[in-house]
């Protein structure tokens, strides 16, 4: 899995958990504009293909396990 895909999974997961863009950028060590761009891409895809289709694509493309792995790394000892 490409580094970019893993970062995208982490950003989506943290946003889903309620973190704002600044908090995500600090936590992941990336710029806020990277977070914003990534979320904008995901939101655009959801608008074009529908929320359910986007969710299915995310899970089917392997992001499900990546999100679980990202959660384990980000929240080790706190889950």
N, C-alpha and C. Protein backbone atom coordinates (compact mmCIF):
# COMPACT_ATOMS: atom_id res chain seq x y z
N UNK A 1 0.84 -1.18 0.00
CA UNK A 1 0.00 0.00 0.00
C UNK A 1 0.89 1.24 0.00
N UNK A 2 0.56 2.19 -0.83
CA UNK A 2 1.37 3.40 -0.96
C UNK A 2 1.24 4.28 0.28
N UNK A 3 2.32 5.01 0.54
CA UNK A 3 2.36 5.91 1.68
C UNK A 3 1.20 6.91 1.63
N UNK A 4 0.88 7.42 0.43
CA UNK A 4 -0.21 8.37 0.28
C UNK A 4 -1.55 7.80 0.67
N UNK A 5 -1.77 6.54 0.34
CA UNK A 5 -3.03 5.89 0.70
C UNK A 5 -3.14 5.72 2.22
N UNK A 6 -2.03 5.40 2.85
CA UNK A 6 -2.04 5.25 4.31
C UNK A 6 -2.33 6.59 4.97
N UNK A 7 -1.70 7.66 4.47
CA UNK A 7 -1.94 9.00 5.01
C UNK A 7 -3.40 9.38 4.81
N UNK A 8 -3.95 9.11 3.64
CA UNK A 8 -5.36 9.42 3.38
C UNK A 8 -6.25 8.69 4.38
N UNK A 9 -5.96 7.43 4.62
CA UNK A 9 -6.76 6.65 5.57
C UNK A 9 -6.68 7.26 6.98
N UNK A 10 -5.49 7.69 7.37
CA UNK A 10 -5.34 8.30 8.69
C UNK A 10 -6.12 9.60 8.78
N UNK A 11 -6.04 10.43 7.75
CA UNK A 11 -6.76 11.71 7.75
C UNK A 11 -8.26 11.48 7.83
N UNK A 12 -8.77 10.58 7.01
CA UNK A 12 -10.21 10.29 7.01
C UNK A 12 -10.64 9.75 8.37
N UNK A 13 -9.85 8.86 8.94
CA UNK A 13 -10.20 8.30 10.24
C UNK A 13 -10.25 9.38 11.31
N UNK A 14 -9.22 10.21 11.37
CA UNK A 14 -9.18 11.25 12.41
C UNK A 14 -10.30 12.26 12.23
N UNK A 15 -10.61 12.62 10.99
CA UNK A 15 -11.71 13.56 10.75
C UNK A 15 -13.01 12.93 11.20
N UNK A 16 -13.17 11.64 10.91
CA UNK A 16 -14.37 10.92 11.34
C UNK A 16 -14.50 10.85 12.85
N UNK A 17 -13.38 10.90 13.54
CA UNK A 17 -13.38 10.88 15.01
C UNK A 17 -13.59 12.28 15.60
N UNK A 18 -13.69 13.29 14.73
CA UNK A 18 -14.00 14.63 15.20
C UNK A 18 -12.84 15.59 15.32
N UNK A 19 -11.65 15.17 14.93
CA UNK A 19 -10.50 16.08 14.96
C UNK A 19 -10.68 17.13 13.87
N UNK A 20 -10.27 18.38 14.14
CA UNK A 20 -10.32 19.39 13.10
C UNK A 20 -9.05 19.31 12.26
N UNK A 21 -9.02 20.07 11.16
CA UNK A 21 -7.90 19.97 10.23
C UNK A 21 -6.57 20.33 10.88
N UNK A 22 -6.55 21.34 11.72
CA UNK A 22 -5.31 21.73 12.38
C UNK A 22 -4.82 20.62 13.32
N UNK A 23 -5.72 20.04 14.08
CA UNK A 23 -5.34 18.95 14.98
C UNK A 23 -4.79 17.75 14.20
N UNK A 24 -5.42 17.45 13.08
CA UNK A 24 -4.96 16.34 12.25
C UNK A 24 -3.56 16.63 11.71
N UNK A 25 -3.35 17.85 11.23
CA UNK A 25 -2.04 18.18 10.66
C UNK A 25 -0.93 18.08 11.70
N UNK A 26 -1.21 18.52 12.91
CA UNK A 26 -0.21 18.44 13.97
C UNK A 26 0.05 16.98 14.34
N UNK A 27 -1.02 16.20 14.49
CA UNK A 27 -0.90 14.80 14.89
C UNK A 27 -0.13 13.98 13.86
N UNK A 28 -0.33 14.28 12.58
CA UNK A 28 0.30 13.48 11.53
C UNK A 28 1.58 14.10 10.99
N UNK A 29 1.87 15.33 11.40
CA UNK A 29 3.09 15.99 10.95
C UNK A 29 3.06 16.39 9.48
N UNK A 30 1.88 16.77 9.01
CA UNK A 30 1.73 17.25 7.64
C UNK A 30 1.12 18.65 7.69
N UNK A 31 1.14 19.34 6.57
CA UNK A 31 0.57 20.68 6.54
C UNK A 31 -0.96 20.62 6.60
N UNK A 32 -1.53 21.70 7.08
CA UNK A 32 -2.99 21.79 7.12
C UNK A 32 -3.54 21.78 5.70
N UNK A 33 -2.79 22.32 4.75
CA UNK A 33 -3.27 22.32 3.37
C UNK A 33 -3.32 20.90 2.80
N UNK A 34 -2.41 20.03 3.23
CA UNK A 34 -2.46 18.63 2.81
C UNK A 34 -3.71 17.97 3.33
N UNK A 35 -4.04 18.24 4.58
CA UNK A 35 -5.25 17.69 5.18
C UNK A 35 -6.48 18.20 4.44
N UNK A 36 -6.51 19.50 4.21
CA UNK A 36 -7.64 20.12 3.52
C UNK A 36 -7.82 19.54 2.12
N UNK A 37 -6.73 19.43 1.38
CA UNK A 37 -6.78 18.89 0.02
C UNK A 37 -7.29 17.45 0.02
N UNK A 38 -6.79 16.64 0.93
CA UNK A 38 -7.20 15.24 1.01
C UNK A 38 -8.68 15.12 1.32
N UNK A 39 -9.15 15.89 2.29
CA UNK A 39 -10.57 15.84 2.65
C UNK A 39 -11.45 16.35 1.51
N UNK A 40 -10.97 17.36 0.82
CA UNK A 40 -11.71 17.90 -0.32
C UNK A 40 -11.84 16.83 -1.41
N UNK A 41 -10.77 16.09 -1.67
CA UNK A 41 -10.83 15.00 -2.66
C UNK A 41 -11.86 13.94 -2.27
N UNK A 42 -11.85 13.54 -1.02
CA UNK A 42 -12.79 12.52 -0.54
C UNK A 42 -14.22 13.04 -0.63
N UNK A 43 -14.42 14.30 -0.22
CA UNK A 43 -15.77 14.88 -0.28
C UNK A 43 -16.25 15.02 -1.72
N UNK A 44 -15.37 15.41 -2.63
CA UNK A 44 -15.74 15.53 -4.04
C UNK A 44 -16.18 14.18 -4.60
N UNK A 45 -15.42 13.15 -4.25
CA UNK A 45 -15.77 11.81 -4.72
C UNK A 45 -17.13 11.39 -4.16
N UNK A 46 -17.39 11.72 -2.91
CA UNK A 46 -18.68 11.38 -2.31
C UNK A 46 -19.82 12.11 -3.02
N UNK A 47 -19.60 13.37 -3.38
CA UNK A 47 -20.64 14.13 -4.09
C UNK A 47 -20.89 13.55 -5.49
N UNK A 48 -19.82 13.15 -6.15
CA UNK A 48 -19.94 12.63 -7.51
C UNK A 48 -20.52 11.22 -7.56
N UNK A 49 -20.09 10.39 -6.63
CA UNK A 49 -20.46 8.98 -6.68
C UNK A 49 -21.47 8.58 -5.61
N UNK A 50 -21.73 9.46 -4.68
CA UNK A 50 -22.64 9.16 -3.58
C UNK A 50 -21.88 8.66 -2.37
N UNK A 51 -22.42 8.96 -1.21
CA UNK A 51 -21.78 8.58 0.04
C UNK A 51 -21.59 7.07 0.17
N UNK A 52 -22.64 6.32 -0.15
CA UNK A 52 -22.55 4.87 -0.01
C UNK A 52 -21.52 4.28 -0.97
N UNK A 53 -21.50 4.80 -2.19
CA UNK A 53 -20.53 4.32 -3.18
C UNK A 53 -19.11 4.62 -2.72
N UNK A 54 -18.90 5.83 -2.19
CA UNK A 54 -17.57 6.21 -1.72
C UNK A 54 -17.17 5.33 -0.55
N UNK A 55 -18.08 5.10 0.39
CA UNK A 55 -17.79 4.25 1.54
C UNK A 55 -17.42 2.84 1.06
N UNK A 56 -18.20 2.31 0.14
CA UNK A 56 -17.93 0.97 -0.38
C UNK A 56 -16.56 0.92 -1.06
N UNK A 57 -16.25 1.95 -1.83
CA UNK A 57 -14.94 2.01 -2.50
C UNK A 57 -13.81 2.04 -1.49
N UNK A 58 -13.97 2.84 -0.45
CA UNK A 58 -12.94 2.95 0.58
C UNK A 58 -12.71 1.59 1.24
N UNK A 59 -13.78 0.93 1.61
CA UNK A 59 -13.65 -0.37 2.27
C UNK A 59 -13.11 -1.42 1.28
N UNK A 60 -13.67 -1.46 0.07
CA UNK A 60 -13.27 -2.47 -0.91
C UNK A 60 -11.83 -2.29 -1.38
N UNK A 61 -11.34 -1.06 -1.36
CA UNK A 61 -9.98 -0.83 -1.84
C UNK A 61 -8.94 -1.11 -0.78
N UNK A 62 -9.39 -1.60 0.35
CA UNK A 62 -8.43 -2.00 1.36
C UNK A 62 -8.21 -0.97 2.46
N UNK A 63 -8.95 0.12 2.44
CA UNK A 63 -8.76 1.12 3.48
C UNK A 63 -9.25 0.64 4.85
N UNK A 64 -10.20 -0.29 4.87
CA UNK A 64 -10.70 -0.78 6.15
C UNK A 64 -9.57 -1.27 7.05
N UNK A 65 -8.77 -2.23 6.58
CA UNK A 65 -7.65 -2.70 7.39
C UNK A 65 -6.61 -1.61 7.66
N UNK A 66 -6.44 -0.70 6.69
CA UNK A 66 -5.48 0.39 6.89
C UNK A 66 -5.95 1.31 7.99
N UNK A 67 -7.25 1.58 8.02
CA UNK A 67 -7.79 2.44 9.08
C UNK A 67 -7.61 1.79 10.44
N UNK A 68 -7.84 0.49 10.51
CA UNK A 68 -7.63 -0.24 11.77
C UNK A 68 -6.16 -0.16 12.18
N UNK A 69 -5.25 -0.36 11.22
CA UNK A 69 -3.82 -0.28 11.51
C UNK A 69 -3.43 1.13 11.94
N UNK A 70 -3.96 2.13 11.24
CA UNK A 70 -3.67 3.53 11.59
C UNK A 70 -4.16 3.84 12.99
N UNK A 71 -5.33 3.34 13.33
CA UNK A 71 -5.87 3.57 14.67
C UNK A 71 -4.95 2.94 15.71
N UNK A 72 -4.48 1.75 15.42
CA UNK A 72 -3.57 1.08 16.35
C UNK A 72 -2.29 1.86 16.57
N UNK A 73 -1.75 2.44 15.49
CA UNK A 73 -0.52 3.22 15.60
C UNK A 73 -0.78 4.54 16.32
N UNK A 74 -1.84 5.23 15.90
CA UNK A 74 -2.11 6.56 16.46
C UNK A 74 -2.54 6.52 17.92
N UNK A 75 -3.26 5.47 18.28
CA UNK A 75 -3.82 5.41 19.62
C UNK A 75 -3.31 4.23 20.43
N UNK A 76 -2.09 3.79 20.15
CA UNK A 76 -1.55 2.65 20.87
C UNK A 76 -1.57 2.91 22.36
N UNK A 77 -2.11 1.94 23.06
CA UNK A 77 -2.22 2.06 24.51
C UNK A 77 -3.44 2.81 24.97
N UNK A 78 -4.22 3.38 24.02
CA UNK A 78 -5.40 4.14 24.42
C UNK A 78 -6.69 3.55 23.89
N UNK A 79 -6.62 2.46 23.12
CA UNK A 79 -7.85 1.85 22.58
C UNK A 79 -8.33 0.76 23.49
